[in-house]
Amino acid sequence: MHVAVIGGTRGLGNWIANFLQEKGCQITLTGRNSIVGEDIANKMGVLYTSDNIQAASHANVVIIAVPIEFTSQTIKEVAPHLQEGSLLVDVTSVKELPAETMQKYAPPGVEVLPTHPMFGPRIRSLEGQVIVLTPQKKGKWYPKVLELLKLERARILETTPEQHDRMMSIVQGLTHFAYIAIASTIEKMGVDIKESRKFASPIYNLMLDMVARIVAQNPYLYYSIQTQNKYIPEVHQTFLETFQDLKSMISDENQDEFVKAMSSAAKHLNDLEASLGRSDKAISALNAEVTHLKNSVGMEVGLRHMYSGKVHLGILESLSPDFVILKENNRTVKLKLSNIEVLSGEELKSWKTGNLPLKKLDVSVVLPETSQPELISRVIRSIEGVVSSEVKDVYYGGQIPEGKKSITFTYQVLSLESMERVQELLTGFGGIIR
C-alpha cells in the first residue's frame, strides 16, 4: 500500500509515517523544507517530494498532517487529485472545517475520514491511546482502519465533527489555557521551582509535571488549538468570569459562597472516589519505582530510556532525587530519573536473552530412579538467569548404582553464576554430579 503523509517530515506526521512503514506500507513524505525532508526520508528509507499534488495523486492513502491553520487549504490543494478508490485522512485537533472541506473537494469514489489522534509524537505505541474518528460516510476503508487500530489496542471513539470540537474546547482549550496561565504566573512571581518542590505534596508535584508537559510542547500548535476551534472563545469567557467570581468571594471574605461554589463543582465532576483512586495510583506508581531503585543500590538493574528505547544494564551505584548513576561495562552512566523506566524481572530476562551471548552447558547427575526428568527440567528453567533447559539423555548402566539413574540436561544460561545455581539445585535434590 502506498501512503502519502503530507507534512510527514516532523511531529505527529513523521510518527505516523514511521508507524505505517513498520506495517509494510510504502511511504512518501512531503514537507516545505526540501533539505530537511530529503535527509529525513533518506534516514527512514522512504520517498520524499516537495510537491503535495504529486505525492497525493500516486497514493492509496493520503494523510494530511500539516499545522491546523494550513489544513483546509492543503485539503483544497490535494483532494481533487486523489485517485478513485483512495482514502483521504486528516489528523488535526479541529474537525468541523476539515471535514466540510474534504467532503466538498474530494472527487467521487474517494473516501474521507477526519480523525484526531489524542497523543503526541513521543509515544512508543498505540496501545491505550485514544483516537477519535468522525466519519460522515463509511466506505470500504473504514473497517480496515478499525481493524488496524484494534490490533494495536488503541481506544477508538466515534463521534461527529461538531461534538468533537465542542468537547475539545474543554479537553484541550480550557485545560491548556489554564495550565499555560499557571506556568506564566509562576514565572512572573519569580518562584524557584526546584525549591517549591521541597515543600510540595505529591499532588503539587504531579500537577507541576502535567503543567510542564503542556508548556514543553510546540507553542505554535497550542496557539492554533486556542484560535482555530470556534467554541473556545465561549470557554475562555466563562473561565474568566468564574475566576473573577471566585476572586470576589475571597476578597469579600464570603466563605459561604466559596464553599457552595466548590462543593457544587465537586458534585458536578461526579464519581470523585474513582478520580481519587486514579490519582492515588499515579502517585503510588511514581513512589514505587523510586523505592525499588533505592532498594537496588549495589545490585544489577535494567533501565530503559523512555524516548530512545535504549536499555542500560549495569550495577546501580547511587540514586538522587533527579539522577541515577549506573556502572555499565566499566563506564559510569548518569541517567535522568524522569526519563527512565525500570525493567521488570521478566522484561530484563527477555532483553538479556535477545541481546547477550548465551552459554550452552550440559550437566549429568545421578538421581533416584523415581525422579522425573521433565519436572526437574522445568524447575531448572525457573532459575534466575536460565534461558532454556531440556532433557538430553537418561541412562541406566553398570556404572550407575542400583535404584539410580543418570540424567543429562542441556541448558542455556546468561552467566556462570546461573550455572552454579543449577548445580546447587541438583545436589539439593540429593543428586551426585558426574
Protein backbone atom coordinates (compact mmCIF):
# COMPACT_ATOMS: atom_id res chain seq x y z
CA MET A 1 0.00 0.00 0.00
CA HIS A 2 1.33 3.43 -0.94
CA VAL A 3 0.75 6.11 1.72
CA ALA A 4 1.50 9.83 1.26
CA VAL A 5 1.94 11.77 4.51
CA ILE A 6 1.53 15.46 3.71
CA GLY A 7 3.60 17.21 6.36
CA GLY A 8 5.32 13.96 7.34
CA THR A 9 8.83 15.26 7.97
CA ARG A 10 8.26 16.17 11.60
CA GLY A 11 5.96 15.87 14.60
CA LEU A 12 2.92 13.59 14.55
CA GLY A 13 3.09 13.25 10.77
CA ASN A 14 6.55 11.74 11.00
CA TRP A 15 5.45 9.41 13.82
CA ILE A 16 2.58 8.17 11.63
CA ALA A 17 4.95 7.69 8.68
CA ASN A 18 7.33 5.58 10.79
CA PHE A 19 4.44 3.56 12.23
CA LEU A 20 2.96 2.76 8.81
CA GLN A 21 6.39 1.97 7.36
CA GLU A 22 6.82 -0.66 10.08
CA LYS A 23 3.48 -2.12 8.96
CA GLY A 24 4.89 -2.63 5.46
CA CYS A 25 3.50 0.44 3.70
CA GLN A 26 5.42 2.31 1.01
CA ILE A 27 5.75 5.87 2.30
CA THR A 28 6.13 9.22 0.56
CA LEU A 29 6.77 12.25 2.75
CA THR A 30 6.18 15.88 1.87
CA GLY A 31 7.42 18.96 3.67
CA ARG A 32 8.23 22.58 2.95
CA ASN A 33 11.98 22.30 3.59
CA SER A 34 13.47 20.10 0.86
CA ILE A 35 16.89 19.77 2.52
CA VAL A 36 15.40 18.61 5.82
CA GLY A 37 12.80 16.45 4.05
CA GLU A 38 15.30 14.61 1.88
CA ASP A 39 17.59 14.00 4.86
CA ILE A 40 14.75 12.54 6.96
CA ALA A 41 13.47 10.43 4.06
CA ASN A 42 16.97 9.03 3.39
CA LYS A 43 17.38 8.07 7.04
CA MET A 44 13.97 6.36 7.03
CA GLY A 45 14.49 4.73 3.64
CA VAL A 46 11.33 6.28 2.17
CA LEU A 47 10.48 8.69 -0.66
CA TYR A 48 10.33 12.48 -0.40
CA THR A 49 8.86 15.20 -2.58
CA SER A 50 8.09 18.85 -2.00
CA ASP A 51 5.13 18.51 -4.41
CA ASN A 52 1.99 17.69 -2.38
CA ILE A 53 -0.11 17.06 -5.50
CA GLN A 54 2.41 14.63 -6.96
CA ALA A 55 2.57 12.66 -3.70
CA ALA A 56 -1.23 12.56 -3.30
CA SER A 57 -2.01 11.57 -6.87
CA HIS A 58 0.06 8.37 -6.66
CA ALA A 59 -1.07 7.19 -3.20
CA ASN A 60 -3.75 4.76 -2.00
CA VAL A 61 -3.98 6.67 1.30
CA VAL A 62 -3.27 10.37 1.79
CA ILE A 63 -2.81 11.68 5.35
CA ILE A 64 -2.92 15.44 5.96
CA ALA A 65 -0.65 16.22 8.94
CA VAL A 66 0.10 19.92 8.48
CA PRO A 67 -0.50 22.65 11.12
CA ILE A 68 -4.18 23.32 11.85
CA GLU A 69 -4.26 26.73 10.17
CA PHE A 70 -2.99 25.22 6.89
CA THR A 71 -5.15 22.09 6.92
CA SER A 72 -8.16 23.29 4.93
CA GLN A 73 -6.01 24.99 2.29
CA THR A 74 -3.89 21.84 1.92
CA ILE A 75 -7.02 19.71 1.54
CA LYS A 76 -8.27 22.05 -1.20
CA GLU A 77 -4.89 21.71 -2.93
CA VAL A 78 -4.53 17.91 -2.93
CA ALA A 79 -8.03 16.40 -2.60
CA PRO A 80 -9.12 16.89 -6.26
CA HIS A 81 -6.06 14.92 -7.44
CA LEU A 82 -6.65 11.72 -5.43
CA GLN A 83 -7.23 8.57 -7.43
CA GLU A 84 -10.60 6.82 -7.32
CA GLY A 85 -10.85 4.26 -4.53
CA SER A 86 -8.30 6.01 -2.31
CA LEU A 87 -8.66 7.29 1.27
CA LEU A 88 -8.16 10.88 2.48
CA VAL A 89 -7.45 11.39 6.20
CA ASP A 90 -6.60 14.40 8.34
CA VAL A 91 -5.16 14.25 11.87
CA THR A 92 -5.65 17.78 13.20
CA SER A 93 -7.15 18.87 16.54
CA VAL A 94 -10.15 20.59 14.93
CA LYS A 95 -12.64 18.58 12.92
CA GLU A 96 -15.62 20.59 11.61
CA LEU A 97 -13.87 22.69 8.96
CA PRO A 98 -11.51 19.93 7.71
CA ALA A 99 -14.47 17.52 7.45
CA GLU A 100 -16.51 20.01 5.43
CA THR A 101 -13.55 20.79 3.18
CA MET A 102 -12.78 17.12 2.49
CA GLN A 103 -16.39 16.37 1.63
CA LYS A 104 -16.50 19.36 -0.73
CA TYR A 105 -13.21 18.88 -2.59
CA ALA A 106 -12.68 15.09 -2.65
CA PRO A 107 -13.83 13.66 -6.01
CA PRO A 108 -16.47 10.88 -6.23
CA GLY A 109 -15.05 7.50 -5.28
CA VAL A 110 -12.62 8.93 -2.70
CA GLU A 111 -13.43 8.05 0.91
CA VAL A 112 -12.73 10.68 3.59
CA LEU A 113 -12.08 10.10 7.29
CA PRO A 114 -11.49 13.06 9.63
CA THR A 115 -9.54 11.79 12.66
CA HIS A 116 -7.89 13.14 15.78
CA PRO A 117 -5.15 11.05 17.46
CA MET A 118 -5.22 12.21 21.09
CA PHE A 119 -1.48 11.90 21.59
CA GLY A 120 1.80 13.44 20.52
CA PRO A 121 4.84 12.03 18.72
CA ARG A 122 6.60 10.97 21.94
CA ILE A 123 4.57 7.77 22.43
CA ARG A 124 6.12 4.35 21.72
CA SER A 125 2.94 2.51 20.68
CA LEU A 126 -0.78 2.98 20.08
CA GLU A 127 -1.76 0.69 22.94
CA GLY A 128 -4.18 2.51 25.24
CA GLN A 129 -4.09 5.71 23.17
CA VAL A 130 -7.38 7.41 22.24
CA ILE A 131 -8.09 8.02 18.55
CA VAL A 132 -11.24 9.95 17.64
CA LEU A 133 -12.90 9.09 14.32
CA THR A 134 -15.57 11.35 12.82
CA PRO A 135 -16.78 9.58 9.66
CA GLN A 136 -19.72 11.14 7.83
CA LYS A 137 -19.91 8.22 5.40
CA LYS A 138 -18.35 4.80 5.88
CA GLY A 139 -16.87 3.04 2.88
CA LYS A 140 -14.51 0.11 2.28
CA TRP A 141 -11.61 1.77 4.10
CA TYR A 142 -13.37 2.35 7.43
CA PRO A 143 -13.41 -1.29 8.63
CA LYS A 144 -9.74 -1.64 7.59
CA VAL A 145 -8.80 1.37 9.72
CA LEU A 146 -10.80 -0.03 12.65
CA GLU A 147 -9.13 -3.43 12.33
CA LEU A 148 -5.64 -1.90 12.36
CA LEU A 149 -6.38 0.27 15.40
CA LYS A 150 -7.95 -2.64 17.29
CA LEU A 151 -4.94 -4.85 16.57
CA GLU A 152 -2.76 -2.12 18.06
CA ARG A 153 -5.08 -1.98 21.11
CA ALA A 154 -5.91 1.68 20.63
CA ARG A 155 -9.03 3.12 22.26
CA ILE A 156 -11.39 4.17 19.47
CA LEU A 157 -14.05 6.86 19.90
CA GLU A 158 -16.52 7.54 17.08
CA THR A 159 -18.42 10.82 17.09
CA THR A 160 -19.42 13.78 14.89
CA PRO A 161 -17.08 16.63 13.92
CA GLU A 162 -19.27 19.12 15.83
CA GLN A 163 -19.37 17.04 19.03
CA HIS A 164 -15.60 16.53 18.77
CA ASP A 165 -14.90 20.27 18.53
CA ARG A 166 -17.24 21.10 21.41
CA MET A 167 -15.54 18.54 23.65
CA MET A 168 -12.07 19.64 22.55
CA SER A 169 -12.91 23.20 23.61
CA ILE A 170 -12.87 21.81 27.17
CA VAL A 171 -10.43 18.89 26.92
CA GLN A 172 -7.80 20.99 25.15
CA GLY A 173 -8.99 24.60 25.04
CA LEU A 174 -9.75 25.06 28.74
CA THR A 175 -7.08 22.81 30.24
CA HIS A 176 -4.22 24.05 28.06
CA PHE A 177 -5.25 27.66 28.69
CA ALA A 178 -5.36 27.11 32.47
CA TYR A 179 -2.04 25.20 32.57
CA ILE A 180 -0.23 27.81 30.47
CA ALA A 181 -1.67 30.52 32.75
CA ILE A 182 -0.37 28.67 35.83
CA ALA A 183 3.10 28.33 34.33
CA SER A 184 3.18 32.01 33.34
CA THR A 185 2.00 33.07 36.81
CA ILE A 186 4.77 31.05 38.47
CA GLU A 187 7.28 32.67 36.14
CA LYS A 188 6.02 36.22 36.87
CA MET A 189 6.14 35.53 40.61
CA GLY A 190 9.79 34.52 40.26
CA VAL A 191 9.18 31.20 42.05
CA ASP A 192 12.14 28.81 42.23
CA ILE A 193 10.52 25.59 41.00
CA LYS A 194 13.13 23.24 42.48
CA GLU A 195 12.80 24.97 45.84
CA SER A 196 9.00 24.79 45.68
CA ARG A 197 9.13 21.04 45.13
CA LYS A 198 10.88 20.64 48.51
CA PHE A 199 7.75 22.00 50.18
CA ALA A 200 5.34 20.19 47.89
CA SER A 201 2.80 17.44 48.34
CA PRO A 202 2.77 14.62 45.77
CA ILE A 203 -0.28 16.25 44.16
CA TYR A 204 1.58 19.53 43.59
CA ASN A 205 4.49 17.68 42.02
CA LEU A 206 2.15 15.68 39.78
CA MET A 207 0.26 18.82 38.76
CA LEU A 208 3.52 20.65 38.08
CA ASP A 209 4.64 17.79 35.84
CA MET A 210 1.38 18.00 33.89
CA VAL A 211 1.75 21.78 33.51
CA ALA A 212 5.36 21.33 32.37
CA ARG A 213 4.28 18.64 29.89
CA ILE A 214 1.93 21.11 28.23
CA VAL A 215 4.21 24.15 28.11
CA ALA A 216 7.09 22.00 26.81
CA GLN A 217 5.14 21.27 23.62
CA ASN A 218 5.17 23.18 20.34
CA PRO A 219 3.78 26.65 21.24
CA TYR A 220 2.67 27.30 17.65
CA LEU A 221 0.48 24.18 17.77
CA TYR A 222 -1.03 25.21 21.09
CA TYR A 223 -1.74 28.72 19.81
CA SER A 224 -3.50 27.16 16.82
CA ILE A 225 -5.61 24.95 19.09
CA GLN A 226 -6.71 28.04 21.04
CA THR A 227 -7.57 30.06 17.92
CA GLN A 228 -8.92 27.54 15.39
CA ASN A 229 -11.73 25.94 17.42
CA LYS A 230 -14.78 28.20 17.17
CA TYR A 231 -16.18 27.03 20.54
CA ILE A 232 -13.14 28.07 22.61
CA PRO A 233 -13.89 31.85 22.92
CA GLU A 234 -17.03 30.99 24.91
CA VAL A 235 -14.98 28.69 27.14
CA HIS A 236 -12.37 31.43 27.74
CA GLN A 237 -15.06 33.94 28.66
CA THR A 238 -16.74 31.55 31.09
CA PHE A 239 -13.37 30.71 32.66
CA LEU A 240 -12.52 34.40 33.19
CA GLU A 241 -15.97 35.15 34.65
CA THR A 242 -15.68 32.19 37.02
CA PHE A 243 -12.19 33.29 38.07
CA GLN A 244 -13.47 36.77 38.86
CA ASP A 245 -16.43 35.37 40.83
CA LEU A 246 -14.15 33.21 42.97
CA LYS A 247 -11.69 36.08 43.43
CA SER A 248 -14.53 38.31 44.63
CA MET A 249 -15.64 35.66 47.15
CA ILE A 250 -12.13 35.62 48.61
CA SER A 251 -11.78 39.43 48.59
CA ASP A 252 -15.19 39.85 50.27
CA GLU A 253 -14.43 37.03 52.75
CA ASN A 254 -17.60 35.32 51.59
CA GLN A 255 -16.92 31.85 52.94
CA ASP A 256 -20.44 30.53 52.41
CA GLU A 257 -20.46 31.33 48.68
CA PHE A 258 -16.94 29.94 48.17
CA VAL A 259 -17.82 26.67 49.93
CA LYS A 260 -21.06 26.47 47.94
CA ALA A 261 -19.25 27.02 44.62
CA MET A 262 -16.50 24.49 45.37
CA SER A 263 -18.95 21.86 46.62
CA SER A 264 -21.18 22.33 43.58
CA ALA A 265 -18.21 21.96 41.24
CA ALA A 266 -17.11 18.78 43.03
CA LYS A 267 -20.61 17.33 42.77
CA HIS A 268 -20.71 18.09 39.04
CA LEU A 269 -17.41 16.28 38.43
CA ASN A 270 -19.18 13.10 39.61
CA ASP A 271 -17.62 9.84 40.86
CA LEU A 272 -14.98 11.56 42.98
CA GLU A 273 -13.93 8.23 44.50
CA ALA A 274 -12.81 6.97 41.09
CA SER A 275 -10.88 10.20 40.47
CA LEU A 276 -9.18 9.93 43.85
CA GLY A 277 -8.33 6.31 43.13
CA ARG A 278 -6.75 7.12 39.77
CA SER A 279 -4.68 9.96 41.20
CA ASP A 280 -3.61 7.74 44.13
CA LYS A 281 -2.43 5.13 41.62
CA ALA A 282 -0.41 7.73 39.73
CA ILE A 283 1.28 8.90 42.93
CA SER A 284 1.92 5.34 44.10
CA ALA A 285 3.44 4.40 40.74
CA LEU A 286 5.88 7.29 40.94
CA ASN A 287 6.88 6.44 44.51
CA ALA A 288 7.07 2.67 43.92
CA GLU A 289 9.72 2.95 41.21
CA VAL A 290 11.90 5.23 43.33
CA THR A 291 11.53 2.87 46.32
CA HIS A 292 12.52 -0.10 44.13
CA LEU A 293 15.62 1.73 42.93
CA LYS A 294 16.60 2.70 46.49
CA ASN A 295 16.46 -0.98 47.45
CA SER A 296 18.51 -1.94 44.37
CA VAL A 297 21.64 0.13 45.05
CA GLY A 298 24.66 -2.16 44.60
CA MET A 299 22.63 -4.61 42.53
CA GLU A 300 22.16 -5.22 38.81
CA VAL A 301 19.26 -3.33 37.20
CA GLY A 302 17.95 -2.79 33.69
CA LEU A 303 16.83 0.75 32.85
CA ARG A 304 15.10 1.68 29.61
CA HIS A 305 15.18 5.24 28.30
CA MET A 306 11.55 6.20 27.70
CA TYR A 307 12.18 8.10 24.48
CA SER A 308 15.16 6.46 22.78
CA GLY A 309 14.15 2.95 23.91
CA LYS A 310 17.79 2.13 24.71
CA VAL A 311 18.29 -0.30 27.60
CA HIS A 312 21.12 0.30 30.09
CA LEU A 313 22.23 -2.76 32.08
CA GLY A 314 24.61 -2.44 34.99
CA ILE A 315 25.17 -2.07 38.72
CA LEU A 316 23.20 0.75 40.32
CA GLU A 317 25.79 2.84 42.18
CA SER A 318 23.69 5.69 43.56
CA LEU A 319 20.35 7.46 43.37
CA SER A 320 19.49 11.14 43.83
CA PRO A 321 16.12 12.94 43.51
CA ASP A 322 16.96 13.68 39.86
CA PHE A 323 19.51 11.14 38.61
CA VAL A 324 20.62 7.51 38.78
CA ILE A 325 24.27 6.55 38.46
CA LEU A 326 24.91 3.20 36.78
CA LYS A 327 28.15 1.24 36.27
CA GLU A 328 27.73 -0.17 32.76
CA ASN A 329 30.55 -2.11 31.04
CA ASN A 330 33.24 -0.47 33.19
CA ARG A 331 31.94 3.04 32.49
CA THR A 332 29.77 5.32 34.60
CA VAL A 333 26.41 6.33 33.11
CA LYS A 334 24.30 9.16 34.53
CA LEU A 335 20.61 8.99 33.62
CA LYS A 336 17.82 11.41 34.41
CA LEU A 337 15.35 9.68 36.70
CA SER A 338 12.32 11.19 34.96
CA ASN A 339 13.40 9.71 31.60
CA ILE A 340 13.90 6.05 32.56
CA GLU A 341 11.75 3.02 33.28
CA VAL A 342 12.86 0.10 35.43
CA LEU A 343 12.60 -3.23 33.63
CA SER A 344 10.71 -5.94 35.48
CA GLY A 345 12.35 -9.31 36.07
CA GLU A 346 10.68 -10.85 33.02
CA GLU A 347 11.46 -7.83 30.83
CA LEU A 348 15.10 -7.92 31.90
CA LYS A 349 15.38 -11.64 31.22
CA SER A 350 13.80 -11.19 27.79
CA TRP A 351 16.18 -8.36 26.94
CA LYS A 352 19.22 -10.32 28.07
CA THR A 353 18.14 -13.33 26.03
CA GLY A 354 17.90 -11.23 22.90
CA ASN A 355 21.00 -9.10 23.41
CA LEU A 356 23.62 -11.00 25.44
CA PRO A 357 25.64 -14.06 24.39
CA LEU A 358 24.28 -17.29 25.89
CA LYS A 359 26.36 -20.12 27.38
CA LYS A 360 25.17 -23.63 26.46
CA LEU A 361 26.08 -26.30 29.00
CA ASP A 362 25.48 -29.99 29.72
CA VAL A 363 25.30 -31.49 33.19
CA SER A 364 24.86 -35.17 34.14
CA VAL A 365 23.54 -36.02 37.57
CA VAL A 366 22.79 -39.34 39.32
CA LEU A 367 19.37 -39.27 40.99
CA PRO A 368 16.89 -41.81 42.40
CA GLU A 369 15.19 -43.94 39.75
CA THR A 370 11.83 -42.42 40.69
CA SER A 371 12.99 -38.91 39.72
CA GLN A 372 11.02 -37.17 36.98
CA PRO A 373 13.44 -35.65 34.43
CA GLU A 374 10.91 -33.36 32.72
CA LEU A 375 9.73 -31.95 36.02
CA ILE A 376 13.32 -31.25 37.09
CA SER A 377 13.99 -29.60 33.73
CA ARG A 378 11.05 -27.24 34.28
CA VAL A 379 12.41 -26.32 37.70
CA ILE A 380 15.82 -25.57 36.13
CA ARG A 381 14.11 -23.22 33.65
CA SER A 382 12.64 -21.27 36.56
CA ILE A 383 16.09 -20.42 37.97
CA GLU A 384 17.12 -16.80 37.53
CA GLY A 385 19.46 -16.45 34.56
CA VAL A 386 18.46 -19.77 32.94
CA VAL A 387 17.03 -19.24 29.45
CA SER A 388 16.21 -22.82 28.44
CA SER A 389 16.52 -26.37 29.69
CA GLU A 390 15.75 -29.80 28.20
CA VAL A 391 16.43 -33.44 28.98
CA LYS A 392 19.20 -34.72 26.72
CA ASP A 393 19.59 -38.30 27.95
CA VAL A 394 18.52 -40.76 30.65
CA TYR A 395 21.00 -43.60 31.31
CA TYR A 396 20.85 -46.86 33.27
CA GLY A 397 24.04 -48.92 33.24
CA GLY A 398 26.73 -50.75 35.09
CA GLN A 399 28.35 -47.56 36.30
CA ILE A 400 25.09 -46.37 37.87
CA PRO A 401 24.14 -47.81 41.29
CA GLU A 402 21.01 -49.92 41.52
CA GLY A 403 17.87 -47.87 42.12
CA LYS A 404 19.51 -44.84 40.50
CA LYS A 405 19.67 -43.31 37.02
CA SER A 406 21.84 -40.73 35.30
CA ILE A 407 20.05 -37.77 33.72
CA THR A 408 21.81 -35.35 31.38
CA PHE A 409 20.34 -31.87 30.99
CA THR A 410 21.24 -29.34 28.28
CA TYR A 411 20.62 -25.78 29.36
CA GLN A 412 21.45 -22.20 28.39
CA VAL A 413 22.44 -19.53 30.88
CA LEU A 414 23.34 -15.87 30.83
CA SER A 415 26.21 -16.18 33.33
CA LEU A 416 28.36 -18.68 35.18
CA GLU A 417 26.54 -17.72 38.39
CA SER A 418 23.40 -19.27 36.89
CA MET A 419 25.33 -22.48 36.16
CA GLU A 420 26.28 -22.67 39.84
CA ARG A 421 22.63 -22.23 40.81
CA VAL A 422 21.67 -25.16 38.57
CA GLN A 423 24.27 -27.42 40.17
CA GLU A 424 23.19 -26.34 43.66
CA LEU A 425 19.60 -27.23 42.76
CA LEU A 426 20.55 -30.70 41.53
CA THR A 427 22.70 -31.51 44.56
CA GLY A 428 19.90 -30.15 46.75
CA PHE A 429 17.66 -32.84 45.22
CA GLY A 430 20.18 -35.39 46.52
CA GLY A 431 21.89 -35.76 43.14
CA ILE A 432 25.54 -36.51 42.50
CA ILE A 433 27.10 -34.52 39.65
CA ARG A 434 29.05 -36.87 37.31
